[in-house]
C-alpha atoms as a PDB file:
ATOM      1  CA  MET A   1      -0.040   0.084  -0.171  1.00  0.00           C
ATOM      2  CA  PRO A   2       1.492   3.579  -1.017  1.00  0.00           C
ATOM      3  CA  ASP A   3       2.090   5.883   1.947  1.00  0.00           C
ATOM      4  CA  LEU A   4       1.143   9.530   1.945  1.00  0.00           C
ATOM      5  CA  ARG A   5       3.506  11.336   4.378  1.00  0.00           C
ATOM      6  CA  LYS A   6       3.590  15.284   5.375  1.00  0.00           C
ATOM      7  CA  ASP A   7       6.640  17.280   5.617  1.00  0.00           C
ATOM      8  CA  PRO A   8       6.191  18.767   9.038  1.00  0.00           C
ATOM      9  CA  ILE A   9       8.207  22.126   8.028  1.00  0.00           C
ATOM     10  CA  THR A  10       6.367  23.033   4.865  1.00  0.00           C
ATOM     11  CA  GLY A  11       3.213  21.088   5.063  1.00  0.00           C
ATOM     12  CA  ARG A  12       3.835  19.436   1.690  1.00  0.00           C
ATOM     13  CA  TRP A  13       2.381  15.738   1.072  1.00  0.00           C
ATOM     14  CA  VAL A  14       4.645  13.321  -0.388  1.00  0.00           C
ATOM     15  CA  ILE A  15       3.799   9.898  -1.889  1.00  0.00           C
ATOM     16  CA  ILE A  16       5.909   7.012  -1.114  1.00  0.00           C
ATOM     17  CA  ALA A  17       4.880   4.775  -3.774  1.00  0.00           C
ATOM     18  CA  THR A  18       6.010   1.541  -2.262  1.00  0.00           C
ATOM     19  CA  ASP A  19       4.483  -0.384  -5.281  1.00  0.00           C
ATOM     20  CA  ARG A  20       7.113   1.278  -7.384  1.00  0.00           C
ATOM     21  CA  ALA A  21       9.946   0.539  -5.265  1.00  0.00           C
ATOM     22  CA  ARG A  22      13.281   0.763  -7.077  1.00  0.00           C
ATOM     23  CA  ARG A  23      16.959   0.009  -6.252  1.00  0.00           C
ATOM     24  CA  PRO A  24      19.804   2.125  -6.941  1.00  0.00           C
ATOM     25  CA  ALA A  25      20.597   0.406 -10.366  1.00  0.00           C
ATOM     26  CA  ASP A  26      17.095   1.064 -11.528  1.00  0.00           C
ATOM     27  CA  PHE A  27      17.610   4.905 -11.424  1.00  0.00           C
ATOM     28  CA  THR A  28      19.257   4.760 -15.113  1.00  0.00           C
ATOM     29  CA  ARG A  29      17.991   7.224 -17.680  1.00  0.00           C
ATOM     30  CA  GLU A  30      14.623   5.877 -18.758  1.00  0.00           C
ATOM     31  CA  PRO A  31      14.050   7.151 -22.292  1.00  0.00           C
ATOM     32  CA  VAL A  32      10.434   7.049 -23.783  1.00  0.00           C
ATOM     33  CA  ARG A  33       9.643   3.576 -24.595  1.00  0.00           C
ATOM     34  CA  SER A  34       9.398   2.904 -28.258  1.00  0.00           C
ATOM     35  CA  THR A  35       7.428  -0.064 -29.184  1.00  0.00           C
ATOM     36  CA  HIS A  36       8.785  -0.564 -32.499  1.00  0.00           C
ATOM     37  CA  GLY A  37       8.948  -4.397 -33.094  1.00  0.00           C
ATOM     38  CA  ARG A  38       7.248  -4.877 -29.734  1.00  0.00           C
ATOM     39  CA  ILE A  39       3.536  -5.106 -28.540  1.00  0.00           C
ATOM     40  CA  CYS A  40       2.134  -1.809 -27.583  1.00  0.00           C
ATOM     41  CA  PRO A  41      -0.253  -2.196 -24.736  1.00  0.00           C
ATOM     42  CA  PHE A  42      -2.443   0.935 -25.677  1.00  0.00           C
ATOM     43  CA  CYS A  43      -2.714  -0.294 -29.233  1.00  0.00           C
ATOM     44  CA  PRO A  44      -6.075  -2.125 -30.483  1.00  0.00           C
ATOM     45  CA  GLY A  45      -5.831  -5.618 -30.181  1.00  0.00           C
ATOM     46  CA  HIS A  46      -3.875  -5.521 -26.908  1.00  0.00           C
ATOM     47  CA  GLU A  47      -6.561  -4.582 -24.542  1.00  0.00           C
ATOM     48  CA  GLY A  48      -5.597  -7.506 -22.373  1.00  0.00           C
ATOM     49  CA  LYS A  49      -2.174  -5.983 -21.661  1.00  0.00           C
ATOM     50  CA  THR A  50      -4.116  -3.245 -19.492  1.00  0.00           C
ATOM     51  CA  PRO A  51      -6.291  -3.632 -16.513  1.00  0.00           C
ATOM     52  CA  PRO A  52      -9.887  -3.686 -17.426  1.00  0.00           C
ATOM     53  CA  GLU A  53     -11.344  -0.305 -18.897  1.00  0.00           C
ATOM     54  CA  VAL A  54     -13.182   2.135 -16.465  1.00  0.00           C
ATOM     55  CA  LEU A  55     -14.567   4.007 -19.519  1.00  0.00           C
ATOM     56  CA  ALA A  56     -14.403   3.638 -23.240  1.00  0.00           C
ATOM     57  CA  TYR A  57     -15.791   5.429 -26.282  1.00  0.00           C
ATOM     58  CA  ARG A  58     -16.548   3.142 -28.893  1.00  0.00           C
ATOM     59  CA  GLY A  59     -18.262   2.510 -32.247  1.00  0.00           C
ATOM     60  CA  SER A  60     -18.127  -1.220 -32.242  1.00  0.00           C
ATOM     61  CA  GLY A  61     -17.115  -4.196 -30.107  1.00  0.00           C
ATOM     62  CA  GLY A  62     -17.716  -4.939 -26.465  1.00  0.00           C
ATOM     63  CA  PRO A  63     -15.823  -3.846 -23.111  1.00  0.00           C
ATOM     64  CA  ASN A  64     -12.031  -4.404 -23.322  1.00  0.00           C
ATOM     65  CA  GLN A  65     -12.261  -5.262 -27.209  1.00  0.00           C
ATOM     66  CA  SER A  66     -11.142  -3.460 -30.130  1.00  0.00           C
ATOM     67  CA  GLY A  67     -13.493  -0.842 -31.785  1.00  0.00           C
ATOM     68  CA  TRP A  68     -12.899   1.985 -29.311  1.00  0.00           C
ATOM     69  CA  SER A  69     -11.926   5.467 -30.091  1.00  0.00           C
ATOM     70  CA  LEU A  70     -10.896   6.215 -26.526  1.00  0.00           C
ATOM     71  CA  ARG A  71     -10.013   3.987 -23.558  1.00  0.00           C
ATOM     72  CA  VAL A  72      -9.470   4.812 -19.720  1.00  0.00           C
ATOM     73  CA  VAL A  73      -7.833   2.240 -17.742  1.00  0.00           C
ATOM     74  CA  PRO A  74      -6.257   1.998 -14.363  1.00  0.00           C
ATOM     75  CA  ASN A  75      -2.522   2.597 -14.317  1.00  0.00           C
ATOM     76  CA  LYS A  76      -0.734  -0.789 -13.973  1.00  0.00           C
ATOM     77  CA  PHE A  77       1.693   0.591 -11.717  1.00  0.00           C
ATOM     78  CA  PRO A  78      -0.308   3.151  -9.533  1.00  0.00           C
ATOM     79  CA  ALA A  79       0.919   5.758  -7.419  1.00  0.00           C
ATOM     80  CA  LEU A  80      -2.139   5.362  -5.275  1.00  0.00           C
ATOM     81  CA  ARG A  81      -4.644   2.680  -4.686  1.00  0.00           C
ATOM     82  CA  VAL A  82      -8.670   2.809  -4.580  1.00  0.00           C
ATOM     83  CA  GLU A  83      -8.872  -0.183  -2.021  1.00  0.00           C
ATOM     84  CA  GLY A  84      -8.657   0.567   1.612  1.00  0.00           C
ATOM     85  CA  GLU A  85      -9.283   3.332   4.050  1.00  0.00           C
ATOM     86  CA  VAL A  86      -7.503   6.774   4.456  1.00  0.00           C
ATOM     87  CA  ASP A  87      -6.490   5.918   8.116  1.00  0.00           C
ATOM     88  CA  ARG A  88      -4.936   9.102   9.088  1.00  0.00           C
ATOM     89  CA  GLN A  89      -2.157   8.594  11.724  1.00  0.00           C
ATOM     90  CA  GLY A  90       0.464  10.566  13.746  1.00  0.00           C
ATOM     91  CA  GLU A  91       3.869   9.363  14.787  1.00  0.00           C
ATOM     92  CA  GLY A  92       5.188  11.997  17.071  1.00  0.00           C
ATOM     93  CA  LEU A  93       5.270  15.360  14.972  1.00  0.00           C
ATOM     94  CA  TYR A  94       4.843  13.219  11.704  1.00  0.00           C
ATOM     95  CA  ASP A  95       1.592  12.883  10.184  1.00  0.00           C
ATOM     96  CA  HIS A  96       0.742  10.153   7.531  1.00  0.00           C
ATOM     97  CA  MET A  97      -2.171   8.142   5.868  1.00  0.00           C
ATOM     98  CA  ASN A  98      -2.467   5.360   3.490  1.00  0.00           C
ATOM     99  CA  GLY A  99      -2.245   6.082  -0.233  1.00  0.00           C
ATOM    100  CA  ILE A 100      -5.517   5.905  -1.164  1.00  0.00           C
ATOM    101  CA  GLY A 101      -6.678   7.493  -4.305  1.00  0.00           C
ATOM    102  CA  ALA A 102      -6.950   6.528  -8.125  1.00  0.00           C
ATOM    103  CA  HIS A 103      -4.469   6.612 -10.938  1.00  0.00           C
ATOM    104  CA  GLU A 104      -5.745   6.081 -14.308  1.00  0.00           C
ATOM    105  CA  VAL A 105      -4.409   6.425 -17.956  1.00  0.00           C
ATOM    106  CA  ILE A 106      -6.470   7.927 -20.753  1.00  0.00           C
ATOM    107  CA  ILE A 107      -5.520   6.443 -23.905  1.00  0.00           C
ATOM    108  CA  GLU A 108      -6.391   9.101 -26.299  1.00  0.00           C
ATOM    109  CA  SER A 109      -6.538   7.426 -29.722  1.00  0.00           C
ATOM    110  CA  PRO A 110      -6.296   3.910 -31.132  1.00  0.00           C
ATOM    111  CA  ASP A 111      -3.677   5.471 -33.547  1.00  0.00           C
ATOM    112  CA  HIS A 112      -0.083   4.642 -32.043  1.00  0.00           C
ATOM    113  CA  ALA A 113       1.511   7.551 -33.935  1.00  0.00           C
ATOM    114  CA  ALA A 114      -1.256  10.227 -33.280  1.00  0.00           C
ATOM    115  CA  SER A 115      -0.991  13.356 -31.291  1.00  0.00           C
ATOM    116  CA  LEU A 116      -3.194  15.912 -29.891  1.00  0.00           C
ATOM    117  CA  ALA A 117      -1.868  18.278 -32.412  1.00  0.00           C
ATOM    118  CA  GLU A 118      -2.691  16.141 -35.219  1.00  0.00           C
ATOM    119  CA  MET A 119      -5.764  14.280 -34.187  1.00  0.00           C
ATOM    120  CA  PRO A 120      -9.211  15.438 -35.594  1.00  0.00           C
ATOM    121  CA  GLU A 121     -10.932  18.303 -33.663  1.00  0.00           C
ATOM    122  CA  LYS A 122     -13.886  15.914 -32.335  1.00  0.00           C
ATOM    123  CA  ALA A 123     -11.222  13.295 -30.978  1.00  0.00           C
ATOM    124  CA  VAL A 124      -9.485  16.068 -29.057  1.00  0.00           C
ATOM    125  CA  SER A 125     -12.755  17.258 -27.887  1.00  0.00           C
ATOM    126  CA  ASP A 126     -13.680  13.726 -26.665  1.00  0.00           C
ATOM    127  CA  VAL A 127     -10.403  13.846 -24.576  1.00  0.00           C
ATOM    128  CA  PHE A 128     -11.816  16.393 -22.413  1.00  0.00           C
ATOM    129  CA  PHE A 129     -15.131  14.734 -22.255  1.00  0.00           C
ATOM    130  CA  ALA A 130     -13.547  11.861 -20.818  1.00  0.00           C
ATOM    131  CA  PHE A 131     -11.610  13.830 -18.439  1.00  0.00           C
ATOM    132  CA  ARG A 132     -14.965  15.258 -17.318  1.00  0.00           C
ATOM    133  CA  ASP A 133     -16.696  12.194 -17.132  1.00  0.00           C
ATOM    134  CA  ARG A 134     -13.950  10.328 -14.908  1.00  0.00           C
ATOM    135  CA  ILE A 135     -13.633  13.395 -12.522  1.00  0.00           C
ATOM    136  CA  LEU A 136     -17.689  13.265 -11.949  1.00  0.00           C
ATOM    137  CA  ASP A 137     -17.402   9.564 -11.359  1.00  0.00           C
ATOM    138  CA  LEU A 138     -14.543  10.078  -8.778  1.00  0.00           C
ATOM    139  CA  LYS A 139     -16.126  12.781  -7.040  1.00  0.00           C
ATOM    140  CA  LYS A 140     -18.738  10.460  -5.794  1.00  0.00           C
ATOM    141  CA  ASP A 141     -16.084   8.856  -3.688  1.00  0.00           C
ATOM    142  CA  PRO A 142     -15.926  11.358  -0.293  1.00  0.00           C
ATOM    143  CA  ARG A 143     -12.497  10.038   0.416  1.00  0.00           C
ATOM    144  CA  LEU A 144     -11.235  11.803  -2.545  1.00  0.00           C
ATOM    145  CA  ARG A 145     -10.523  15.591  -2.332  1.00  0.00           C
ATOM    146  CA  TYR A 146      -8.704  16.582  -5.555  1.00  0.00           C
ATOM    147  CA  VAL A 147      -8.260  15.120  -8.962  1.00  0.00           C
ATOM    148  CA  ILE A 148      -5.613  16.235 -11.019  1.00  0.00           C
ATOM    149  CA  VAL A 149      -5.361  15.630 -14.861  1.00  0.00           C
ATOM    150  CA  PHE A 150      -2.066  16.150 -16.569  1.00  0.00           C
ATOM    151  CA  LYS A 151      -0.226  15.034 -19.968  1.00  0.00           C
ATOM    152  CA  ASN A 152       3.378  14.386 -20.347  1.00  0.00           C
ATOM    153  CA  HIS A 153       4.518  14.541 -23.994  1.00  0.00           C
ATOM    154  CA  GLY A 154       7.863  13.561 -24.990  1.00  0.00           C
ATOM    155  CA  GLU A 155      10.903  12.337 -22.993  1.00  0.00           C
ATOM    156  CA  ALA A 156      11.808  15.747 -21.479  1.00  0.00           C
ATOM    157  CA  ALA A 157       8.128  16.243 -20.178  1.00  0.00           C
ATOM    158  CA  GLY A 158       8.506  12.796 -18.231  1.00  0.00           C
ATOM    159  CA  ALA A 159       6.697  10.661 -20.859  1.00  0.00           C
ATOM    160  CA  THR A 160       7.842   6.804 -20.939  1.00  0.00           C
ATOM    161  CA  LEU A 161       5.238   5.364 -23.401  1.00  0.00           C
ATOM    162  CA  GLU A 162       5.189   7.045 -26.884  1.00  0.00           C
ATOM    163  CA  HIS A 163       1.559   6.064 -27.451  1.00  0.00           C
ATOM    164  CA  THR A 164      -0.526   9.549 -27.017  1.00  0.00           C
ATOM    165  CA  HIS A 165      -2.101   9.392 -23.493  1.00  0.00           C
ATOM    166  CA  SER A 166      -2.846  11.323 -20.416  1.00  0.00           C
ATOM    167  CA  GLN A 167      -3.125  10.598 -16.737  1.00  0.00           C
ATOM    168  CA  LEU A 168      -5.408  11.130 -13.949  1.00  0.00           C
ATOM    169  CA  ILE A 169      -4.752  10.952 -10.179  1.00  0.00           C
ATOM    170  CA  ALA A 170      -7.280  11.409  -7.597  1.00  0.00           C
ATOM    171  CA  LEU A 171      -5.901  12.381  -3.973  1.00  0.00           C
ATOM    172  CA  PRO A 172      -7.387  12.369  -0.553  1.00  0.00           C
ATOM    173  CA  VAL A 173      -5.759  15.706  -0.016  1.00  0.00           C
ATOM    174  CA  VAL A 174      -5.533  18.951  -1.652  1.00  0.00           C
ATOM    175  CA  PRO A 175      -2.103  19.583  -2.855  1.00  0.00           C
ATOM    176  CA  LYS A 176       0.119  22.302  -1.168  1.00  0.00           C
ATOM    177  CA  ARG A 177       0.565  24.120  -4.431  1.00  0.00           C
ATOM    178  CA  VAL A 178      -3.033  23.880  -5.515  1.00  0.00           C
ATOM    179  CA  GLN A 179      -4.007  25.122  -2.049  1.00  0.00           C
ATOM    180  CA  GLU A 180      -1.457  28.177  -2.306  1.00  0.00           C
ATOM    181  CA  GLU A 181      -3.307  29.012  -5.743  1.00  0.00           C
ATOM    182  CA  LEU A 182      -6.725  28.806  -4.129  1.00  0.00           C
ATOM    183  CA  ASP A 183      -5.669  30.794  -0.995  1.00  0.00           C
ATOM    184  CA  GLY A 184      -4.015  33.628  -3.176  1.00  0.00           C
ATOM    185  CA  ALA A 185      -7.241  33.953  -5.508  1.00  0.00           C
ATOM    186  CA  GLN A 186      -9.436  34.106  -2.199  1.00  0.00           C
ATOM    187  CA  ARG A 187      -7.293  36.826  -0.632  1.00  0.00           C
ATOM    188  CA  TYR A 188      -7.664  38.734  -3.849  1.00  0.00           C
ATOM    189  CA  TYR A 189     -11.558  38.331  -3.797  1.00  0.00           C
ATOM    190  CA  HIS A 190     -11.770  39.353  -0.286  1.00  0.00           C
ATOM    191  CA  PHE A 191      -9.922  42.578  -1.040  1.00  0.00           C
ATOM    192  CA  ARG A 192     -11.740  43.401  -4.350  1.00  0.00           C
ATOM    193  CA  GLU A 193     -14.678  41.219  -4.537  1.00  0.00           C
ATOM    194  CA  ARG A 194     -14.057  40.075  -7.673  1.00  0.00           C
ATOM    195  CA  CYS A 195     -12.214  37.046  -9.135  1.00  0.00           C
ATOM    196  CA  ILE A 196      -8.662  37.585  -9.872  1.00  0.00           C
ATOM    197  CA  PHE A 197      -8.636  35.341 -13.042  1.00  0.00           C
ATOM    198  CA  CYS A 198     -11.682  37.308 -14.603  1.00  0.00           C
ATOM    199  CA  ASP A 199      -9.814  40.478 -13.972  1.00  0.00           C
ATOM    200  CA  ILE A 200      -6.706  39.133 -15.596  1.00  0.00           C
ATOM    201  CA  LEU A 201      -8.752  38.121 -18.595  1.00  0.00           C
ATOM    202  CA  GLN A 202     -10.093  41.909 -18.742  1.00  0.00           C
ATOM    203  CA  GLN A 203      -6.589  43.435 -18.515  1.00  0.00           C
ATOM    204  CA  GLU A 204      -5.074  41.097 -21.014  1.00  0.00           C
ATOM    205  CA  LEU A 205      -7.918  41.786 -23.506  1.00  0.00           C
ATOM    206  CA  ALA A 206      -7.415  45.363 -22.921  1.00  0.00           C
ATOM    207  CA  SER A 207      -3.617  45.523 -23.466  1.00  0.00           C
ATOM    208  CA  ARG A 208      -3.536  42.525 -25.900  1.00  0.00           C
ATOM    209  CA  GLN A 209       0.112  42.350 -25.436  1.00  0.00           C
ATOM    210  CA  ARG A 210       0.319  38.589 -24.243  1.00  0.00           C
ATOM    211  CA  ILE A 211      -2.872  37.199 -26.093  1.00  0.00           C
ATOM    212  CA  VAL A 212      -1.851  34.194 -28.178  1.00  0.00           C
ATOM    213  CA  PHE A 213      -5.487  33.993 -29.679  1.00  0.00           C
ATOM    214  CA  GLU A 214      -8.915  34.082 -28.589  1.00  0.00           C
ATOM    215  CA  THR A 215     -12.356  32.140 -29.374  1.00  0.00           C
ATOM    216  CA  ASP A 216     -16.118  32.992 -28.143  1.00  0.00           C
ATOM    217  CA  HIS A 217     -15.285  30.815 -25.068  1.00  0.00           C
ATOM    218  CA  PHE A 218     -11.462  30.920 -24.200  1.00  0.00           C
ATOM    219  CA  LEU A 219      -8.578  33.037 -24.177  1.00  0.00           C
ATOM    220  CA  ALA A 220      -5.218  31.800 -24.886  1.00  0.00           C
ATOM    221  CA  VAL A 221      -2.720  33.966 -23.129  1.00  0.00           C
ATOM    222  CA  ALA A 222       1.138  33.989 -22.204  1.00  0.00           C
ATOM    223  CA  PRO A 223       0.815  34.782 -18.380  1.00  0.00           C
ATOM    224  CA  TYR A 224       2.433  38.272 -17.220  1.00  0.00           C
ATOM    225  CA  ALA A 225       4.717  36.229 -14.798  1.00  0.00           C
ATOM    226  CA  SER A 226       5.592  32.987 -17.076  1.00  0.00           C
ATOM    227  CA  ARG A 227       7.716  30.758 -15.374  1.00  0.00           C
ATOM    228  CA  PHE A 228       8.814  29.032 -18.592  1.00  0.00           C
ATOM    229  CA  PRO A 229       9.504  30.240 -22.262  1.00  0.00           C
ATOM    230  CA  PHE A 230       6.241  30.089 -24.260  1.00  0.00           C
ATOM    231  CA  GLU A 231       4.144  28.816 -21.263  1.00  0.00           C
ATOM    232  CA  THR A 232       0.484  29.395 -22.261  1.00  0.00           C
ATOM    233  CA  TRP A 233      -2.615  29.426 -20.384  1.00  0.00           C
ATOM    234  CA  ILE A 234      -5.988  28.553 -21.611  1.00  0.00           C
ATOM    235  CA  VAL A 235      -8.676  30.239 -19.661  1.00  0.00           C
ATOM    236  CA  PRO A 236     -12.378  30.280 -20.076  1.00  0.00           C
ATOM    237  CA  ARG A 237     -14.005  33.641 -20.589  1.00  0.00           C
ATOM    238  CA  ARG A 238     -17.122  32.778 -18.345  1.00  0.00           C
ATOM    239  CA  HIS A 239     -16.393  32.387 -14.758  1.00  0.00           C
ATOM    240  CA  SER A 240     -16.409  28.749 -13.425  1.00  0.00           C
ATOM    241  CA  SER A 241     -14.493  27.092 -10.750  1.00  0.00           C
ATOM    242  CA  HIS A 242     -14.720  23.264 -11.702  1.00  0.00           C
ATOM    243  CA  PHE A 243     -13.588  21.863 -15.242  1.00  0.00           C
ATOM    244  CA  SER A 244     -16.130  19.259 -14.558  1.00  0.00           C
ATOM    245  CA  SER A 245     -19.068  21.609 -14.696  1.00  0.00           C
ATOM    246  CA  ALA A 246     -18.081  22.426 -18.285  1.00  0.00           C
ATOM    247  CA  GLU A 247     -21.027  22.194 -20.740  1.00  0.00           C
ATOM    248  CA  PRO A 248     -20.677  20.312 -24.138  1.00  0.00           C
ATOM    249  CA  SER A 249     -20.317  23.551 -26.217  1.00  0.00           C
ATOM    250  CA  ILE A 250     -17.305  24.524 -23.929  1.00  0.00           C
ATOM    251  CA  LEU A 251     -15.866  21.403 -24.183  1.00  0.00           C
ATOM    252  CA  HIS A 252     -16.081  21.113 -27.940  1.00  0.00           C
ATOM    253  CA  ASN A 253     -14.402  24.280 -28.332  1.00  0.00           C
ATOM    254  CA  LEU A 254     -11.933  23.556 -25.734  1.00  0.00           C
ATOM    255  CA  GLY A 255     -10.605  20.576 -27.937  1.00  0.00           C
ATOM    256  CA  TRP A 256     -10.072  22.980 -30.988  1.00  0.00           C
ATOM    257  CA  THR A 257      -8.389  25.738 -28.706  1.00  0.00           C
ATOM    258  CA  VAL A 258      -5.991  23.213 -27.343  1.00  0.00           C
ATOM    259  CA  ARG A 259      -5.090  21.741 -30.589  1.00  0.00           C
ATOM    260  CA  THR A 260      -4.825  25.092 -32.050  1.00  0.00           C
ATOM    261  CA  VAL A 261      -1.888  25.985 -29.377  1.00  0.00           C
ATOM    262  CA  LEU A 262      -0.197  22.632 -29.663  1.00  0.00           C
ATOM    263  CA  ARG A 263      -0.034  23.277 -33.506  1.00  0.00           C
ATOM    264  CA  LYS A 264       1.380  26.763 -32.862  1.00  0.00           C
ATOM    265  CA  PHE A 265       3.959  25.130 -30.551  1.00  0.00           C
ATOM    266  CA  GLU A 266       5.011  22.687 -33.113  1.00  0.00           C
ATOM    267  CA  LYS A 267       5.251  25.279 -35.891  1.00  0.00           C
ATOM    268  CA  VAL A 268       7.282  27.971 -33.876  1.00  0.00           C
ATOM    269  CA  LEU A 269       9.375  25.555 -31.496  1.00  0.00           C
ATOM    270  CA  GLU A 270       9.750  22.367 -33.859  1.00  0.00           C
ATOM    271  CA  ARG A 271       7.717  19.899 -31.988  1.00  0.00           C
ATOM    272  CA  PRO A 272       8.688  20.470 -28.420  1.00  0.00           C
ATOM    273  CA  ALA A 273       8.064  17.855 -25.420  1.00  0.00           C
ATOM    274  CA  PHE A 274       5.170  19.650 -23.110  1.00  0.00           C
ATOM    275  CA  ASN A 275       3.322  19.461 -19.884  1.00  0.00           C
ATOM    276  CA  ALA A 276      -0.391  20.193 -19.875  1.00  0.00           C
ATOM    277  CA  ILE A 277      -2.013  20.533 -16.649  1.00  0.00           C
ATOM    278  CA  ILE A 278      -5.886  21.048 -15.708  1.00  0.00           C
ATOM    279  CA  HIS A 279      -6.063  23.633 -12.669  1.00  0.00           C
ATOM    280  CA  THR A 280      -9.494  23.014 -11.109  1.00  0.00           C
ATOM    281  CA  ALA A 281     -11.109  23.593  -7.823  1.00  0.00           C
ATOM    282  CA  PRO A 282     -11.360  20.675  -5.168  1.00  0.00           C
ATOM    283  CA  VAL A 283     -13.927  18.050  -6.170  1.00  0.00           C
ATOM    284  CA  GLN A 284     -15.954  18.147  -2.945  1.00  0.00           C
ATOM    285  CA  ASP A 285     -16.195  22.089  -2.938  1.00  0.00           C
ATOM    286  CA  GLY A 286     -19.069  23.917  -4.261  1.00  0.00           C
ATOM    287  CA  GLU A 287     -18.857  26.567  -6.824  1.00  0.00           C
ATOM    288  CA  LEU A 288     -16.283  29.125  -5.879  1.00  0.00           C
ATOM    289  CA  ASP A 289     -16.643  32.715  -6.547  1.00  0.00           C
ATOM    290  CA  HIS A 290     -12.858  33.448  -5.997  1.00  0.00           C
ATOM    291  CA  TYR A 291     -11.487  30.463  -8.279  1.00  0.00           C
ATOM    292  CA  HIS A 292     -11.450  29.864 -11.968  1.00  0.00           C
ATOM    293  CA  TRP A 293     -10.268  26.648 -13.835  1.00  0.00           C
ATOM    294  CA  HIS A 294      -7.971  26.850 -16.492  1.00  0.00           C
ATOM    295  CA  ILE A 295      -5.297  24.754 -18.465  1.00  0.00           C
ATOM    296  CA  GLU A 296      -1.655  25.254 -18.287  1.00  0.00           C
ATOM    297  CA  LEU A 297       0.465  24.183 -21.330  1.00  0.00           C
ATOM    298  CA  ILE A 298       4.307  24.395 -20.791  1.00  0.00           C
ATOM    299  CA  PRO A 299       6.776  23.489 -23.675  1.00  0.00           C
ATOM    300  CA  LYS A 300      10.030  21.785 -22.203  1.00  0.00           C
ATOM    301  CA  LEU A 301      12.625  24.217 -23.287  1.00  0.00           C
ATOM    302  CA  THR A 302      14.528  24.973 -20.315  1.00  0.00           C
ATOM    303  CA  LYS A 303      15.641  22.747 -17.326  1.00  0.00           C
ATOM    304  CA  VAL A 304      14.764  23.519 -13.671  1.00  0.00           C
ATOM    305  CA  ALA A 305      18.136  23.494 -11.639  1.00  0.00           C
ATOM    306  CA  GLY A 306      19.714  24.273  -8.544  1.00  0.00           C
ATOM    307  CA  PHE A 307      18.671  27.815  -8.465  1.00  0.00           C
ATOM    308  CA  GLU A 308      14.898  27.250  -9.050  1.00  0.00           C
ATOM    309  CA  TRP A 309      14.721  24.299  -6.676  1.00  0.00           C
ATOM    310  CA  GLY A 310      16.697  26.386  -3.903  1.00  0.00           C
ATOM    311  CA  THR A 311      14.708  29.523  -4.223  1.00  0.00           C
ATOM    312  CA  GLY A 312      11.307  28.831  -5.842  1.00  0.00           C
ATOM    313  CA  PHE A 313      12.552  31.661  -8.243  1.00  0.00           C
ATOM    314  CA  TYR A 314      12.303  30.697 -11.942  1.00  0.00           C
ATOM    315  CA  ILE A 315      14.532  32.239 -14.961  1.00  0.00           C
ATOM    316  CA  ASN A 316      12.531  32.646 -18.057  1.00  0.00           C
ATOM    317  CA  PRO A 317      14.792  33.935 -21.014  1.00  0.00           C
ATOM    318  CA  THR A 318      11.935  34.744 -23.390  1.00  0.00           C
ATOM    319  CA  PRO A 319       9.666  37.580 -22.289  1.00  0.00           C
ATOM    320  CA  PRO A 320       5.942  36.337 -22.447  1.00  0.00           C
ATOM    321  CA  GLU A 321       5.048  39.250 -24.734  1.00  0.00           C
ATOM    322  CA  GLU A 322       7.556  37.975 -27.204  1.00  0.00           C
ATOM    323  CA  ALA A 323       6.492  34.489 -26.953  1.00  0.00           C
ATOM    324  CA  ALA A 324       2.694  35.395 -27.378  1.00  0.00           C
ATOM    325  CA  ARG A 325       3.770  37.467 -30.446  1.00  0.00           C
ATOM    326  CA  PHE A 326       5.657  34.529 -31.936  1.00  0.00           C
ATOM    327  CA  LEU A 327       2.659  32.272 -31.323  1.00  0.00           C
ATOM    328  CA  ARG A 328       0.294  34.859 -32.438  1.00  0.00           C
ATOM    329  CA  GLU A 329       2.021  35.299 -35.799  1.00  0.00           C
ATOM    330  CA  ALA A 330       2.098  31.489 -36.441  1.00  0.00           C
ATOM    331  CA  GLY A 331      -1.508  31.990 -37.554  1.00  0.00           C
ATOM    332  CA  LEU A 332      -4.423  29.597 -37.131  1.00  0.00           C
ATOM    333  CA  VAL A 333      -2.396  26.281 -38.212  1.00  0.00           C
END
């Protein structure tokens, strides 16, 4: 059973993933695993190579058979497990609990060589529908307080399998970094009685210096204090704190918006590795006036090193205004 341990100094929770225990010799550089000449567990016809699916969109066939356009399966080597009780305990000044949660893989396409930038618009939208469906289902478990959905694309972003996929991890706690973002938004709301994200949207629309492009539903923008070169946020124009409450029309437009940004990345940055993370409110909370869900897309163009780890400061060599201009001028590709 994985273990969740709390740092008594910072309040940060750490997952001790006992199911993934590794010896010193195991910590060699692990490249993205090419399945050339080998069986890819995510390809059609190999459904038996994964745990049984928890969700699938399919045009034909039965559960765990070919004919699907998207599958969601439990991670074969989960960081957290659904079975068991949270069992919070203290050992002197240390706090820990069982590693209860869920760890799932969203296999985004049956096409082994596909990418979100190249997939049809509907297929990309279906990925976001799957995220929403899984969050709504996991929300029913009162043990789970936060669900993070993320994508690691490319070796530099942490991917270990080349078949296009995303991951979802449900946690029994709200992560410290998420709580800091929530707290910062709440402080602003108490002072101004407005959502800070809504105010950012208005200021960016007024200045237009950092806008990458816009739709009726979303603004793609290089954030003012970008941590990384070409970091891009996709923010809904209409206030909403929970990604899982997005209506179908929003999700359809989100698929097109994300695909467009990724195509701009590919054109301007020559197919970079990237991370994508959905920032949303805790699943057990009601609608929050002070928080606004959004997606952060981060091309992996620089490395986080000693200065960043030691200080929490980031050094970004590309001003967000310049990054937005390059992406904006790439057009709608």
